[in-house]
Every structure is written in C-alpha cells, then in structure tokens.
Amino acid sequence: MGVQLGNDAADGCRFLLLMNGSPDEVPFRLAAEFPSGSWVRLVDTAEAHGRASDRIRPGAAFDLAPRSFVLFGHEDWADREG
C-alpha cells in the first residue's frame, strides 16, 4: 500500500509512505507522471538502522522488503531539511 501525504502543502512538505505486509518482497513502480523531481528515502524498516538516503525518480522501480515500510520525502523538502 502506498500513501502520499501533503501533496500541495504550502510549506512544500510532501511524503510518500509505502507499506508491505506480505512475507514476500513486492516491487513498486513510481508512476512516470508523478510530481517531478526525486524522492529521498528517509526511513526504511528493512535497513539495519532504519535509515537510508537514496533517491527514486518518477518512473523508477523500488523493491519493498517483506513486512516493512519505507518513508520518502520529496526532494524539495528533504534537500531543504538537510
């Protein structure tokens, strides 16, 4: 399941939360017409410390680990927050 939060927020904060409750890895593809720019992976429960910093762009694929969730921040906000 995927949810985008704050799409048109005045402060530019937009997040994408992806959740996988399956015991199997699930591929996720970000729609090519999704808002321009990249999304920065902020939290990933499949990572050892729960943190990561890679980016995905519209049209790109991402594999969700079994029973995990991933939080992305839109680059406009993530780059500003450092």
Protein backbone atom coordinates (compact mmCIF):
# COMPACT_ATOMS: atom_id res chain seq x y z
CA MET A 1 0.00 0.00 0.00
CA GLY A 2 1.24 3.49 -0.75
CA VAL A 3 0.05 6.85 0.55
CA GLN A 4 1.18 10.34 -0.42
CA LEU A 5 0.81 12.98 2.29
CA GLY A 6 0.83 16.75 1.84
CA ASN A 7 0.69 16.85 -1.96
CA ASP A 8 0.03 20.59 -2.22
CA ALA A 9 1.19 21.69 1.22
CA ALA A 10 2.10 25.39 1.36
CA ASP A 11 5.41 24.59 3.08
CA GLY A 12 6.37 22.08 0.38
CA CYS A 13 6.31 19.08 2.73
CA ARG A 14 5.34 16.02 0.73
CA PHE A 15 5.88 12.45 1.84
CA LEU A 16 5.34 9.03 0.33
CA LEU A 17 4.76 6.09 2.68
CA LEU A 18 5.00 2.57 1.23
CA MET A 19 3.99 -0.45 3.31
CA ASN A 20 4.40 -4.15 2.60
CA GLY A 21 2.64 -6.60 4.94
CA SER A 22 3.44 -9.58 2.72
CA PRO A 23 6.05 -12.22 3.63
CA ASP A 24 7.45 -11.66 0.09
CA GLU A 25 9.32 -8.77 -1.50
CA VAL A 26 6.94 -6.56 -3.50
CA PRO A 27 8.01 -4.41 -6.47
CA PHE A 28 6.71 -0.83 -6.52
CA ARG A 29 6.95 1.45 -9.54
CA LEU A 30 6.55 5.19 -9.13
CA ALA A 31 4.28 6.45 -11.91
CA ALA A 32 6.13 8.39 -14.62
CA GLU A 33 3.60 11.24 -14.29
CA PHE A 34 4.16 11.52 -10.51
CA PRO A 35 5.26 15.04 -9.39
CA SER A 36 8.58 15.94 -10.96
CA GLY A 37 11.85 15.56 -9.15
CA SER A 38 13.14 12.78 -6.98
CA TRP A 39 12.01 11.30 -3.70
CA VAL A 40 14.59 10.78 -0.93
CA ARG A 41 14.33 7.61 1.17
CA LEU A 42 14.28 8.82 4.78
CA VAL A 43 13.30 5.72 6.77
CA ASP A 44 13.33 2.07 5.79
CA THR A 45 12.50 -0.55 8.42
CA ALA A 46 14.35 -3.19 6.36
CA GLU A 47 17.65 -1.33 6.87
CA ALA A 48 19.85 -2.16 9.87
CA HIS A 49 19.39 1.26 11.48
CA GLY A 50 16.11 2.10 9.77
CA ARG A 51 17.71 4.89 7.74
CA ALA A 52 18.72 5.24 4.13
CA SER A 53 19.39 8.11 1.75
CA ASP A 54 18.98 7.00 -1.84
CA ARG A 55 16.54 8.61 -4.27
CA ILE A 56 13.93 7.41 -6.71
CA ARG A 57 12.62 9.37 -9.67
CA PRO A 58 9.23 9.21 -11.40
CA GLY A 59 9.04 6.02 -13.47
CA ALA A 60 11.62 4.22 -11.30
CA ALA A 61 11.09 0.90 -9.54
CA PHE A 62 11.71 0.12 -5.89
CA ASP A 63 11.56 -3.29 -4.17
CA LEU A 64 9.79 -3.24 -0.81
CA ALA A 65 11.25 -5.76 1.60
CA PRO A 66 8.88 -8.23 3.26
CA ARG A 67 6.88 -6.83 6.19
CA SER A 68 8.41 -3.38 6.04
CA PHE A 69 7.59 0.24 5.44
CA VAL A 70 9.56 2.99 3.74
CA LEU A 71 9.11 6.74 4.11
CA PHE A 72 10.23 9.04 1.28
CA GLY A 73 10.34 12.83 1.38
CA HIS A 74 10.05 14.88 -1.81
CA GLU A 75 13.42 16.41 -2.75
CA ASP A 76 12.07 19.96 -2.38
CA TRP A 77 11.60 19.37 1.34
CA ALA A 78 14.34 16.79 2.01
CA ASP A 79 17.10 18.92 0.46
CA ARG A 80 15.98 21.96 2.45
CA GLU A 81 15.97 19.99 5.73
CA GLY A 82 19.42 18.51 5.03
